[in-house]
Amino acid sequence: MRGWAEVDCRYFFGLSSRVGFMRYLSTENAMTPRRQRASYTPEFRTQAVRMVTESSRPTIDVARELDMNEQTLSTWVSRYSQEHPEDLVPLSDTERARLTAAEKEVRDLRLELEFLKKAAAYFAKDHR
């Protein structure tokens, strides 16, 4: 009788034969070592968040400069902004107006692009 791991794993990986399953187990796919998780000191985290918040640089640029994952840095920045809302600089009236106008323009351009894609698909069809 087969063990439960052999049967469950074999069907999970889509390997229907026992020979194929055993070949899969013998390859390096089954035994690749996991990457070691990076650990950062609290001082490093604070400095990285300051680099993003004080210089208004994109998180991806700072993450590349610090040779770290961009998503990790984004998480740190969002946590910091939730814990310290008083440190965020509010937008002035002119900046807010420019932002609203830019958002409206982006919305209009996306609608136009969607329409043009549909029109191109319609005219690309072979009408006989």
C-alpha atoms as a PDB file:
ATOM      1  CA  MET A   1       0.000   0.000   0.000  1.00  0.00           C
ATOM      2  CA  ARG A   2       1.249   3.486  -0.838  1.00  0.00           C
ATOM      3  CA  GLY A   3       1.868   6.141   1.728  1.00  0.00           C
ATOM      4  CA  TRP A   4      -0.453   9.154   1.869  1.00  0.00           C
ATOM      5  CA  ALA A   5       2.335  11.609   0.924  1.00  0.00           C
ATOM      6  CA  GLU A   6       3.185   9.723  -2.240  1.00  0.00           C
ATOM      7  CA  VAL A   7      -0.405   9.593  -3.437  1.00  0.00           C
ATOM      8  CA  ASP A   8      -1.362  13.162  -2.493  1.00  0.00           C
ATOM      9  CA  CYS A   9       1.824  14.786  -3.787  1.00  0.00           C
ATOM     10  CA  ARG A  10       1.796  12.776  -6.970  1.00  0.00           C
ATOM     11  CA  TYR A  11      -1.647  14.013  -7.923  1.00  0.00           C
ATOM     12  CA  PHE A  12      -0.930  17.505  -6.628  1.00  0.00           C
ATOM     13  CA  PHE A  13       2.025  17.882  -8.965  1.00  0.00           C
ATOM     14  CA  GLY A  14       0.134  16.300 -11.840  1.00  0.00           C
ATOM     15  CA  LEU A  15       2.473  13.347 -12.078  1.00  0.00           C
ATOM     16  CA  SER A  16       0.309  10.361 -12.803  1.00  0.00           C
ATOM     17  CA  SER A  17       2.941   7.650 -12.830  1.00  0.00           C
ATOM     18  CA  ARG A  18       5.065   6.536  -9.916  1.00  0.00           C
ATOM     19  CA  VAL A  19       8.197   6.645 -12.091  1.00  0.00           C
ATOM     20  CA  GLY A  20       7.535  10.255 -13.096  1.00  0.00           C
ATOM     21  CA  PHE A  21       6.925  11.176  -9.477  1.00  0.00           C
ATOM     22  CA  MET A  22      10.159   9.556  -8.337  1.00  0.00           C
ATOM     23  CA  ARG A  23      12.078  11.337 -11.121  1.00  0.00           C
ATOM     24  CA  TYR A  24      10.573  14.613  -9.972  1.00  0.00           C
ATOM     25  CA  LEU A  25      11.697  13.949  -6.405  1.00  0.00           C
ATOM     26  CA  SER A  26      15.227  13.126  -7.543  1.00  0.00           C
ATOM     27  CA  THR A  27      15.645  16.436  -9.426  1.00  0.00           C
ATOM     28  CA  GLU A  28      16.837  19.613  -7.838  1.00  0.00           C
ATOM     29  CA  ASN A  29      13.296  21.041  -8.002  1.00  0.00           C
ATOM     30  CA  ALA A  30      12.240  19.083  -4.977  1.00  0.00           C
ATOM     31  CA  MET A  31      15.173  20.027  -2.790  1.00  0.00           C
ATOM     32  CA  THR A  32      16.009  23.659  -3.601  1.00  0.00           C
ATOM     33  CA  PRO A  33      17.069  25.479  -0.460  1.00  0.00           C
ATOM     34  CA  ARG A  34      14.914  28.399   0.582  1.00  0.00           C
ATOM     35  CA  ARG A  35      16.382  31.854   0.396  1.00  0.00           C
ATOM     36  CA  GLN A  36      17.381  33.275   3.756  1.00  0.00           C
ATOM     37  CA  ARG A  37      15.032  36.037   4.900  1.00  0.00           C
ATOM     38  CA  ALA A  38      16.741  39.385   5.300  1.00  0.00           C
ATOM     39  CA  SER A  39      16.576  41.038   8.692  1.00  0.00           C
ATOM     40  CA  TYR A  40      17.003  44.768   9.152  1.00  0.00           C
ATOM     41  CA  THR A  41      17.780  46.745  12.277  1.00  0.00           C
ATOM     42  CA  PRO A  42      15.266  49.324  13.529  1.00  0.00           C
ATOM     43  CA  GLU A  43      17.809  52.084  12.826  1.00  0.00           C
ATOM     44  CA  PHE A  44      18.114  50.962   9.204  1.00  0.00           C
ATOM     45  CA  ARG A  45      14.329  50.905   8.835  1.00  0.00           C
ATOM     46  CA  THR A  46      13.987  54.398  10.263  1.00  0.00           C
ATOM     47  CA  GLN A  47      16.716  55.742   8.004  1.00  0.00           C
ATOM     48  CA  ALA A  48      15.173  54.122   4.918  1.00  0.00           C
ATOM     49  CA  VAL A  49      11.733  55.564   5.717  1.00  0.00           C
ATOM     50  CA  ARG A  50      13.285  59.005   6.249  1.00  0.00           C
ATOM     51  CA  MET A  51      14.971  58.789   2.858  1.00  0.00           C
ATOM     52  CA  VAL A  52      11.569  58.285   1.249  1.00  0.00           C
ATOM     53  CA  THR A  53       9.496  60.723   3.297  1.00  0.00           C
ATOM     54  CA  GLU A  54      11.908  63.636   3.603  1.00  0.00           C
ATOM     55  CA  SER A  55      13.227  63.644   0.056  1.00  0.00           C
ATOM     56  CA  SER A  56       9.926  62.724  -1.654  1.00  0.00           C
ATOM     57  CA  ARG A  57      11.788  60.148  -3.720  1.00  0.00           C
ATOM     58  CA  PRO A  58       9.945  57.104  -5.069  1.00  0.00           C
ATOM     59  CA  THR A  59      10.268  54.037  -2.893  1.00  0.00           C
ATOM     60  CA  ILE A  60      11.600  51.983  -5.790  1.00  0.00           C
ATOM     61  CA  ASP A  61      14.592  54.317  -6.224  1.00  0.00           C
ATOM     62  CA  VAL A  62      15.433  54.247  -2.529  1.00  0.00           C
ATOM     63  CA  ALA A  63      14.972  50.465  -2.397  1.00  0.00           C
ATOM     64  CA  ARG A  64      17.344  49.965  -5.309  1.00  0.00           C
ATOM     65  CA  GLU A  65      19.879  52.295  -3.711  1.00  0.00           C
ATOM     66  CA  LEU A  66      19.686  50.330  -0.455  1.00  0.00           C
ATOM     67  CA  ASP A  67      19.659  46.986  -2.313  1.00  0.00           C
ATOM     68  CA  MET A  68      16.414  45.781  -0.781  1.00  0.00           C
ATOM     69  CA  ASN A  69      12.931  44.717  -1.857  1.00  0.00           C
ATOM     70  CA  GLU A  70      10.704  47.621  -2.893  1.00  0.00           C
ATOM     71  CA  GLN A  71       7.590  46.063  -1.349  1.00  0.00           C
ATOM     72  CA  THR A  72       9.300  45.801   2.040  1.00  0.00           C
ATOM     73  CA  LEU A  73      10.193  49.483   1.983  1.00  0.00           C
ATOM     74  CA  SER A  74       6.672  50.411   0.861  1.00  0.00           C
ATOM     75  CA  THR A  75       5.254  48.509   3.823  1.00  0.00           C
ATOM     76  CA  TRP A  76       7.557  50.351   6.219  1.00  0.00           C
ATOM     77  CA  VAL A  77       6.591  53.731   4.736  1.00  0.00           C
ATOM     78  CA  SER A  78       2.854  53.006   4.905  1.00  0.00           C
ATOM     79  CA  ARG A  79       3.156  51.864   8.529  1.00  0.00           C
ATOM     80  CA  TYR A  80       5.079  55.009   9.370  1.00  0.00           C
ATOM     81  CA  SER A  81       2.486  57.241   7.703  1.00  0.00           C
ATOM     82  CA  GLN A  82      -0.318  55.499   9.634  1.00  0.00           C
ATOM     83  CA  GLU A  83       1.516  55.861  12.944  1.00  0.00           C
ATOM     84  CA  HIS A  84       2.658  59.466  12.340  1.00  0.00           C
ATOM     85  CA  PRO A  85      -0.042  61.293  10.328  1.00  0.00           C
ATOM     86  CA  GLU A  86       1.165  64.646  11.682  1.00  0.00           C
ATOM     87  CA  ASP A  87       4.451  64.275   9.786  1.00  0.00           C
ATOM     88  CA  LEU A  88       2.739  64.222   6.406  1.00  0.00           C
ATOM     89  CA  VAL A  89       2.850  67.523   4.552  1.00  0.00           C
ATOM     90  CA  PRO A  90      -0.662  68.595   3.462  1.00  0.00           C
ATOM     91  CA  LEU A  91      -1.188  69.773  -0.105  1.00  0.00           C
ATOM     92  CA  SER A  92      -1.665  73.457  -0.761  1.00  0.00           C
ATOM     93  CA  ASP A  93      -4.748  74.659  -2.640  1.00  0.00           C
ATOM     94  CA  THR A  94      -2.867  75.056  -5.913  1.00  0.00           C
ATOM     95  CA  GLU A  95      -1.282  71.604  -5.595  1.00  0.00           C
ATOM     96  CA  ARG A  96      -4.661  70.068  -4.793  1.00  0.00           C
ATOM     97  CA  ALA A  97      -6.215  71.784  -7.855  1.00  0.00           C
ATOM     98  CA  ARG A  98      -3.373  70.542 -10.087  1.00  0.00           C
ATOM     99  CA  LEU A  99      -3.771  67.027  -8.694  1.00  0.00           C
ATOM    100  CA  THR A 100      -7.524  67.064  -9.322  1.00  0.00           C
ATOM    101  CA  ALA A 101      -6.999  68.303 -12.886  1.00  0.00           C
ATOM    102  CA  ALA A 102      -4.338  65.652 -13.532  1.00  0.00           C
ATOM    103  CA  GLU A 103      -6.597  62.888 -12.175  1.00  0.00           C
ATOM    104  CA  LYS A 104      -9.446  64.075 -14.435  1.00  0.00           C
ATOM    105  CA  GLU A 105      -7.117  64.114 -17.435  1.00  0.00           C
ATOM    106  CA  VAL A 106      -5.900  60.588 -16.675  1.00  0.00           C
ATOM    107  CA  ARG A 107      -9.493  59.384 -16.356  1.00  0.00           C
ATOM    108  CA  ASP A 108     -10.413  60.975 -19.716  1.00  0.00           C
ATOM    109  CA  LEU A 109      -7.348  59.540 -21.439  1.00  0.00           C
ATOM    110  CA  ARG A 110      -8.075  56.049 -20.119  1.00  0.00           C
ATOM    111  CA  LEU A 111     -11.639  56.255 -21.461  1.00  0.00           C
ATOM    112  CA  GLU A 112     -10.350  57.449 -24.819  1.00  0.00           C
ATOM    113  CA  LEU A 113      -7.772  54.659 -24.933  1.00  0.00           C
ATOM    114  CA  GLU A 114     -10.416  52.062 -24.108  1.00  0.00           C
ATOM    115  CA  PHE A 115     -12.627  53.394 -26.910  1.00  0.00           C
ATOM    116  CA  LEU A 116      -9.747  53.381 -29.392  1.00  0.00           C
ATOM    117  CA  LYS A 117      -8.849  49.798 -28.513  1.00  0.00           C
ATOM    118  CA  LYS A 118     -12.419  48.702 -29.130  1.00  0.00           C
ATOM    119  CA  ALA A 119     -12.575  50.642 -32.402  1.00  0.00           C
ATOM    120  CA  ALA A 120      -9.289  49.140 -33.597  1.00  0.00           C
ATOM    121  CA  ALA A 121     -10.523  45.643 -32.744  1.00  0.00           C
ATOM    122  CA  TYR A 122     -13.786  46.288 -34.599  1.00  0.00           C
ATOM    123  CA  PHE A 123     -12.071  47.569 -37.744  1.00  0.00           C
ATOM    124  CA  ALA A 124      -9.422  44.843 -37.618  1.00  0.00           C
ATOM    125  CA  LYS A 125     -12.075  42.173 -38.043  1.00  0.00           C
ATOM    126  CA  ASP A 126     -12.424  40.752 -41.511  1.00  0.00           C
ATOM    127  CA  HIS A 127     -15.891  41.885 -42.661  1.00  0.00           C
ATOM    128  CA  ARG A 128     -17.183  39.980 -45.673  1.00  0.00           C
END
